[in-house]
Amino acid sequence: MVKAYILYFKTNSIVKLEKKDIVDGHVTISTKDGEKTFDVDNFTPKLLETKFGFAPLYMLKWNSINPATDFNPTFHDSKITPELYNKTMRMKVLGNMLKIGRRSPNMFLMLGIGIMFGVFIMYYLKMMGVV
């Protein structure tokens, strides 16, 4: 019994990544239509890089019992490179047009700085005799 990652194509546009056991060269996947069994024996898996090394990856489609042997996704040629996209996101004017997740500052740090600033102002005002 070997563990492998299964990239299961539910439809042409929906996929699911699962870690399953391979028993006697077969993988069983539970779907809402019931269980489906796929034959992965005698097929060379792709290698998926993980934190701890590499793991086998099989790509299975809902209408075929055998895994995909050749997986060449097509990419659209674009004039936007990752570098250009990064520069655009960093610009103040254009960066606000495209929303991506940005890290917010730590709220406890901001609260601490505000409290320290308030204590400093209060101390200064007491020394001057205003308060």
N, C-alpha and C. Protein backbone atom coordinates (compact mmCIF):
# COMPACT_ATOMS: atom_id res chain seq x y z
N MET A 1 0.86 -1.17 0.00
CA MET A 1 0.00 0.00 0.00
C MET A 1 0.90 1.24 0.00
N VAL A 2 0.71 2.08 -0.99
CA VAL A 2 1.52 3.28 -1.18
C VAL A 2 0.59 4.48 -1.19
N LYS A 3 1.02 5.57 -0.58
CA LYS A 3 0.26 6.82 -0.62
C LYS A 3 0.70 7.61 -1.84
N ALA A 4 -0.26 8.22 -2.52
CA ALA A 4 0.04 9.06 -3.68
C ALA A 4 -0.97 10.19 -3.74
N TYR A 5 -0.56 11.27 -4.37
CA TYR A 5 -1.48 12.39 -4.59
C TYR A 5 -2.24 12.13 -5.88
N ILE A 6 -3.52 12.40 -5.83
CA ILE A 6 -4.39 12.21 -6.99
C ILE A 6 -4.98 13.55 -7.37
N LEU A 7 -4.75 13.97 -8.60
CA LEU A 7 -5.39 15.17 -9.13
C LEU A 7 -6.57 14.67 -9.95
N TYR A 8 -7.76 14.77 -9.36
CA TYR A 8 -8.96 14.20 -9.95
C TYR A 8 -9.75 15.28 -10.67
N PHE A 9 -9.91 15.11 -11.98
CA PHE A 9 -10.69 16.04 -12.79
C PHE A 9 -12.16 15.65 -12.68
N LYS A 10 -12.94 16.44 -11.90
CA LYS A 10 -14.38 16.17 -11.78
C LYS A 10 -15.08 16.52 -13.08
N THR A 11 -14.71 17.63 -13.67
CA THR A 11 -15.18 18.04 -14.99
C THR A 11 -13.96 18.58 -15.73
N ASN A 12 -14.18 19.17 -16.88
CA ASN A 12 -13.04 19.73 -17.61
C ASN A 12 -12.45 20.94 -16.90
N SER A 13 -13.21 21.60 -16.02
CA SER A 13 -12.71 22.81 -15.39
C SER A 13 -12.62 22.72 -13.86
N ILE A 14 -13.04 21.63 -13.25
CA ILE A 14 -12.99 21.49 -11.79
C ILE A 14 -12.11 20.29 -11.44
N VAL A 15 -11.09 20.56 -10.61
CA VAL A 15 -10.19 19.49 -10.19
C VAL A 15 -10.13 19.45 -8.66
N LYS A 16 -9.71 18.31 -8.15
CA LYS A 16 -9.61 18.11 -6.71
C LYS A 16 -8.32 17.35 -6.44
N LEU A 17 -7.52 17.84 -5.48
CA LEU A 17 -6.27 17.18 -5.12
C LEU A 17 -6.48 16.43 -3.81
N GLU A 18 -6.22 15.13 -3.85
CA GLU A 18 -6.41 14.28 -2.67
C GLU A 18 -5.19 13.39 -2.49
N LYS A 19 -4.98 12.96 -1.26
CA LYS A 19 -3.94 11.98 -0.97
C LYS A 19 -4.64 10.66 -0.71
N LYS A 20 -4.36 9.67 -1.54
CA LYS A 20 -5.06 8.38 -1.46
C LYS A 20 -4.07 7.23 -1.38
N ASP A 21 -4.57 6.08 -0.95
CA ASP A 21 -3.80 4.85 -0.91
C ASP A 21 -3.94 4.12 -2.24
N ILE A 22 -2.83 3.57 -2.73
CA ILE A 22 -2.85 2.73 -3.92
C ILE A 22 -2.78 1.29 -3.44
N VAL A 23 -3.83 0.54 -3.68
CA VAL A 23 -3.90 -0.85 -3.23
C VAL A 23 -3.98 -1.73 -4.47
N ASP A 24 -2.97 -2.61 -4.63
CA ASP A 24 -2.90 -3.53 -5.76
C ASP A 24 -3.00 -2.82 -7.11
N GLY A 25 -2.41 -1.63 -7.22
CA GLY A 25 -2.41 -0.90 -8.48
C GLY A 25 -3.70 -0.19 -8.80
N HIS A 26 -4.59 -0.06 -7.81
CA HIS A 26 -5.88 0.59 -8.03
C HIS A 26 -6.09 1.70 -6.99
N VAL A 27 -6.77 2.76 -7.42
CA VAL A 27 -7.13 3.87 -6.55
C VAL A 27 -8.64 3.98 -6.55
N THR A 28 -9.22 4.12 -5.37
CA THR A 28 -10.67 4.28 -5.25
C THR A 28 -10.96 5.68 -4.74
N ILE A 29 -11.82 6.39 -5.47
CA ILE A 29 -12.19 7.76 -5.10
C ILE A 29 -13.68 7.81 -4.86
N SER A 30 -14.07 8.39 -3.75
CA SER A 30 -15.48 8.54 -3.43
C SER A 30 -16.01 9.83 -4.04
N THR A 31 -17.09 9.72 -4.78
CA THR A 31 -17.75 10.89 -5.35
C THR A 31 -19.20 10.86 -4.91
N LYS A 32 -19.93 11.91 -5.25
CA LYS A 32 -21.35 11.90 -4.87
C LYS A 32 -22.16 10.93 -5.71
N ASP A 33 -21.58 10.44 -6.82
CA ASP A 33 -22.24 9.42 -7.63
C ASP A 33 -21.88 8.01 -7.18
N GLY A 34 -21.04 7.89 -6.18
CA GLY A 34 -20.59 6.58 -5.70
C GLY A 34 -19.07 6.52 -5.76
N GLU A 35 -18.53 5.34 -5.58
CA GLU A 35 -17.09 5.17 -5.62
C GLU A 35 -16.64 4.83 -7.03
N LYS A 36 -15.51 5.38 -7.41
CA LYS A 36 -14.92 5.10 -8.72
C LYS A 36 -13.53 4.53 -8.50
N THR A 37 -13.19 3.52 -9.26
CA THR A 37 -11.89 2.88 -9.15
C THR A 37 -11.11 3.10 -10.43
N PHE A 38 -9.85 3.45 -10.27
CA PHE A 38 -8.99 3.74 -11.42
C PHE A 38 -7.78 2.83 -11.38
N ASP A 39 -7.31 2.43 -12.54
CA ASP A 39 -6.16 1.55 -12.66
C ASP A 39 -4.92 2.40 -12.88
N VAL A 40 -4.01 2.41 -11.91
CA VAL A 40 -2.78 3.19 -12.04
C VAL A 40 -1.55 2.29 -12.15
N ASP A 41 -1.76 0.98 -12.21
CA ASP A 41 -0.67 0.04 -12.33
C ASP A 41 -0.05 0.18 -13.72
N ASN A 42 1.26 0.04 -13.81
CA ASN A 42 2.02 0.14 -15.06
C ASN A 42 2.02 1.55 -15.66
N PHE A 43 1.70 2.57 -14.89
CA PHE A 43 1.78 3.95 -15.35
C PHE A 43 2.81 4.68 -14.48
N THR A 44 3.66 5.45 -15.11
CA THR A 44 4.67 6.22 -14.38
C THR A 44 4.04 7.51 -13.88
N PRO A 45 4.08 7.74 -12.57
CA PRO A 45 3.48 8.98 -12.05
C PRO A 45 4.39 10.18 -12.28
N LYS A 46 3.78 11.34 -12.26
CA LYS A 46 4.55 12.58 -12.22
C LYS A 46 5.02 12.76 -10.78
N LEU A 47 6.04 13.56 -10.56
CA LEU A 47 6.55 13.78 -9.21
C LEU A 47 6.12 15.15 -8.73
N LEU A 48 5.47 15.17 -7.58
CA LEU A 48 4.99 16.40 -6.95
C LEU A 48 5.98 16.77 -5.85
N GLU A 49 6.49 17.99 -5.90
CA GLU A 49 7.45 18.43 -4.88
C GLU A 49 6.69 18.87 -3.64
N THR A 50 7.05 18.29 -2.50
CA THR A 50 6.44 18.63 -1.22
C THR A 50 7.51 19.19 -0.29
N LYS A 51 7.13 19.51 0.96
CA LYS A 51 8.09 20.02 1.93
C LYS A 51 9.19 19.00 2.22
N PHE A 52 8.84 17.73 2.18
CA PHE A 52 9.76 16.70 2.62
C PHE A 52 10.39 15.93 1.47
N GLY A 53 10.21 16.37 0.25
CA GLY A 53 10.80 15.66 -0.88
C GLY A 53 9.81 15.61 -2.04
N PHE A 54 9.70 14.45 -2.63
CA PHE A 54 8.82 14.26 -3.78
C PHE A 54 7.80 13.17 -3.48
N ALA A 55 6.62 13.30 -4.06
CA ALA A 55 5.57 12.30 -3.90
C ALA A 55 4.98 12.02 -5.27
N PRO A 56 4.50 10.78 -5.50
CA PRO A 56 3.89 10.48 -6.80
C PRO A 56 2.57 11.21 -6.99
N LEU A 57 2.32 11.63 -8.22
CA LEU A 57 1.09 12.34 -8.58
C LEU A 57 0.48 11.68 -9.80
N TYR A 58 -0.77 11.27 -9.68
CA TYR A 58 -1.52 10.72 -10.80
C TYR A 58 -2.64 11.68 -11.15
N MET A 59 -2.86 11.89 -12.44
CA MET A 59 -3.94 12.77 -12.90
C MET A 59 -5.03 11.90 -13.49
N LEU A 60 -6.19 11.91 -12.83
CA LEU A 60 -7.30 11.05 -13.23
C LEU A 60 -8.46 11.89 -13.70
N LYS A 61 -9.12 11.42 -14.74
CA LYS A 61 -10.28 12.13 -15.28
C LYS A 61 -11.52 11.28 -15.03
N TRP A 62 -12.65 11.96 -14.87
CA TRP A 62 -13.88 11.28 -14.47
C TRP A 62 -14.33 10.23 -15.47
N ASN A 63 -13.94 10.33 -16.73
CA ASN A 63 -14.47 9.42 -17.74
C ASN A 63 -13.44 8.44 -18.27
N SER A 64 -12.30 8.28 -17.59
CA SER A 64 -11.27 7.35 -18.04
C SER A 64 -10.74 6.60 -16.83
N ILE A 65 -10.53 5.29 -17.00
CA ILE A 65 -10.03 4.51 -15.86
C ILE A 65 -8.52 4.60 -15.73
N ASN A 66 -7.84 5.05 -16.77
CA ASN A 66 -6.38 5.16 -16.74
C ASN A 66 -5.97 6.60 -16.49
N PRO A 67 -4.85 6.81 -15.81
CA PRO A 67 -4.40 8.19 -15.58
C PRO A 67 -3.86 8.83 -16.85
N ALA A 68 -3.77 10.14 -16.82
CA ALA A 68 -3.22 10.87 -17.95
C ALA A 68 -1.73 10.59 -18.03
N THR A 69 -1.25 10.29 -19.22
CA THR A 69 0.17 10.01 -19.39
C THR A 69 0.94 11.23 -19.83
N ASP A 70 0.27 12.17 -20.47
CA ASP A 70 0.92 13.39 -20.92
C ASP A 70 0.08 14.57 -20.47
N PHE A 71 0.69 15.44 -19.70
CA PHE A 71 -0.05 16.58 -19.18
C PHE A 71 0.69 17.84 -19.56
N ASN A 72 0.26 18.46 -20.63
CA ASN A 72 0.86 19.71 -21.09
C ASN A 72 -0.22 20.77 -21.11
N PRO A 73 -0.38 21.51 -20.02
CA PRO A 73 -1.40 22.55 -20.03
C PRO A 73 -1.02 23.67 -20.99
N THR A 74 -2.02 24.24 -21.61
CA THR A 74 -1.76 25.33 -22.53
C THR A 74 -1.89 26.65 -21.79
N PHE A 75 -0.95 27.52 -22.02
CA PHE A 75 -0.95 28.84 -21.42
C PHE A 75 -1.14 29.85 -22.53
N HIS A 76 -1.93 30.87 -22.25
CA HIS A 76 -2.14 31.92 -23.23
C HIS A 76 -0.93 32.84 -23.23
N ASP A 77 -0.44 33.14 -24.43
CA ASP A 77 0.67 34.08 -24.53
C ASP A 77 0.18 35.45 -24.12
N SER A 78 0.87 36.04 -23.18
CA SER A 78 0.46 37.33 -22.65
C SER A 78 1.65 38.27 -22.67
N LYS A 79 1.37 39.54 -22.85
CA LYS A 79 2.43 40.54 -22.82
C LYS A 79 2.72 40.98 -21.40
N ILE A 80 1.93 40.50 -20.45
CA ILE A 80 2.15 40.85 -19.04
C ILE A 80 3.05 39.79 -18.42
N THR A 81 4.21 40.23 -17.98
CA THR A 81 5.15 39.32 -17.32
C THR A 81 4.97 39.45 -15.82
N PRO A 82 5.46 38.49 -15.05
CA PRO A 82 5.35 38.63 -13.59
C PRO A 82 6.03 39.88 -13.05
N GLU A 83 7.13 40.28 -13.69
CA GLU A 83 7.82 41.50 -13.24
C GLU A 83 6.96 42.72 -13.49
N LEU A 84 6.35 42.81 -14.68
CA LEU A 84 5.49 43.95 -15.01
C LEU A 84 4.27 43.98 -14.10
N TYR A 85 3.71 42.82 -13.80
CA TYR A 85 2.56 42.75 -12.90
C TYR A 85 2.95 43.25 -11.50
N ASN A 86 4.12 42.86 -11.04
CA ASN A 86 4.59 43.30 -9.72
C ASN A 86 4.78 44.81 -9.69
N LYS A 87 5.37 45.39 -10.75
CA LYS A 87 5.55 46.84 -10.79
C LYS A 87 4.20 47.56 -10.81
N THR A 88 3.24 47.02 -11.54
CA THR A 88 1.92 47.64 -11.61
C THR A 88 1.24 47.62 -10.26
N MET A 89 1.37 46.53 -9.52
CA MET A 89 0.73 46.42 -8.22
C MET A 89 1.36 47.37 -7.20
N ARG A 90 2.63 47.70 -7.37
CA ARG A 90 3.31 48.58 -6.43
C ARG A 90 3.04 50.06 -6.71
N MET A 91 2.53 50.39 -7.90
CA MET A 91 2.22 51.78 -8.21
C MET A 91 0.97 52.19 -7.44
N LYS A 92 0.97 53.40 -6.90
CA LYS A 92 -0.15 53.86 -6.08
C LYS A 92 -1.41 54.05 -6.91
N VAL A 93 -1.30 54.60 -8.10
CA VAL A 93 -2.48 54.91 -8.90
C VAL A 93 -3.08 53.64 -9.47
N LEU A 94 -2.26 52.79 -10.11
CA LEU A 94 -2.77 51.59 -10.74
C LEU A 94 -2.91 50.43 -9.77
N GLY A 95 -2.17 50.47 -8.68
CA GLY A 95 -2.22 49.37 -7.73
C GLY A 95 -3.56 49.23 -7.04
N ASN A 96 -4.30 50.33 -6.89
CA ASN A 96 -5.60 50.26 -6.24
C ASN A 96 -6.69 49.74 -7.17
N MET A 97 -6.41 49.67 -8.46
CA MET A 97 -7.41 49.17 -9.40
C MET A 97 -7.52 47.65 -9.33
N LEU A 98 -6.40 46.98 -9.12
CA LEU A 98 -6.38 45.53 -9.01
C LEU A 98 -6.23 45.16 -7.55
N LYS A 99 -7.15 44.38 -7.04
CA LYS A 99 -7.12 44.02 -5.63
C LYS A 99 -6.43 42.68 -5.46
N ILE A 100 -5.38 42.68 -4.67
CA ILE A 100 -4.74 41.43 -4.27
C ILE A 100 -4.59 41.47 -2.77
N GLY A 101 -4.37 40.32 -2.19
CA GLY A 101 -4.23 40.27 -0.74
C GLY A 101 -2.91 40.90 -0.31
N ARG A 102 -2.98 41.89 0.54
CA ARG A 102 -1.79 42.52 1.09
C ARG A 102 -1.80 42.32 2.59
N ARG A 103 -0.60 42.18 3.15
CA ARG A 103 -0.50 42.00 4.60
C ARG A 103 -0.82 43.30 5.29
N SER A 104 -1.69 43.22 6.26
CA SER A 104 -1.98 44.41 7.06
C SER A 104 -0.98 44.46 8.21
N PRO A 105 -0.67 45.66 8.71
CA PRO A 105 0.27 45.74 9.83
C PRO A 105 -0.31 45.07 11.07
N ASN A 106 0.56 44.60 11.91
CA ASN A 106 0.15 43.95 13.14
C ASN A 106 -0.59 44.96 14.01
N MET A 107 -1.83 44.66 14.36
CA MET A 107 -2.66 45.61 15.11
C MET A 107 -2.14 45.84 16.53
N PHE A 108 -1.54 44.82 17.15
CA PHE A 108 -0.99 45.00 18.49
C PHE A 108 0.21 45.95 18.46
N LEU A 109 1.01 45.87 17.40
CA LEU A 109 2.13 46.78 17.26
C LEU A 109 1.64 48.22 17.10
N MET A 110 0.63 48.42 16.25
CA MET A 110 0.09 49.76 16.05
C MET A 110 -0.53 50.30 17.33
N LEU A 111 -1.23 49.43 18.08
CA LEU A 111 -1.83 49.84 19.35
C LEU A 111 -0.74 50.23 20.36
N GLY A 112 0.34 49.46 20.42
CA GLY A 112 1.44 49.76 21.32
C GLY A 112 2.10 51.10 20.99
N ILE A 113 2.30 51.35 19.71
CA ILE A 113 2.91 52.63 19.31
C ILE A 113 1.98 53.78 19.67
N GLY A 114 0.69 53.62 19.48
CA GLY A 114 -0.27 54.67 19.82
C GLY A 114 -0.30 54.95 21.31
N ILE A 115 -0.26 53.90 22.13
CA ILE A 115 -0.26 54.08 23.59
C ILE A 115 1.02 54.77 24.04
N MET A 116 2.17 54.36 23.47
CA MET A 116 3.43 55.00 23.84
C MET A 116 3.44 56.48 23.44
N PHE A 117 2.90 56.80 22.28
CA PHE A 117 2.82 58.19 21.85
C PHE A 117 1.91 58.99 22.79
N GLY A 118 0.78 58.41 23.19
CA GLY A 118 -0.13 59.08 24.12
C GLY A 118 0.50 59.31 25.48
N VAL A 119 1.24 58.33 25.99
CA VAL A 119 1.91 58.48 27.28
C VAL A 119 2.97 59.58 27.19
N PHE A 120 3.71 59.63 26.09
CA PHE A 120 4.72 60.67 25.91
C PHE A 120 4.09 62.06 25.88
N ILE A 121 2.99 62.23 25.16
CA ILE A 121 2.30 63.52 25.09
C ILE A 121 1.77 63.91 26.48
N MET A 122 1.19 62.97 27.21
CA MET A 122 0.67 63.26 28.55
C MET A 122 1.79 63.66 29.50
N TYR A 123 2.92 62.96 29.44
CA TYR A 123 4.07 63.30 30.28
C TYR A 123 4.57 64.71 29.97
N TYR A 124 4.67 65.02 28.67
CA TYR A 124 5.13 66.35 28.26
C TYR A 124 4.17 67.43 28.74
N LEU A 125 2.87 67.20 28.63
CA LEU A 125 1.89 68.20 29.08
C LEU A 125 1.93 68.39 30.60
N LYS A 126 2.17 67.32 31.36
CA LYS A 126 2.27 67.43 32.83
C LYS A 126 3.52 68.20 33.22
N MET A 127 4.62 67.96 32.49
CA MET A 127 5.86 68.68 32.79
C MET A 127 5.72 70.17 32.52
N MET A 128 4.92 70.52 31.52
CA MET A 128 4.72 71.92 31.18
C MET A 128 3.69 72.56 32.11
N GLY A 129 2.97 71.77 32.86
CA GLY A 129 1.98 72.28 33.79
C GLY A 129 0.64 72.59 33.15
N VAL A 130 0.40 72.08 31.97
CA VAL A 130 -0.87 72.31 31.28
C VAL A 130 -1.95 71.43 31.88
N VAL A 131 -1.60 70.22 32.24
CA VAL A 131 -2.61 69.30 32.78
C VAL A 131 -2.33 69.04 34.22
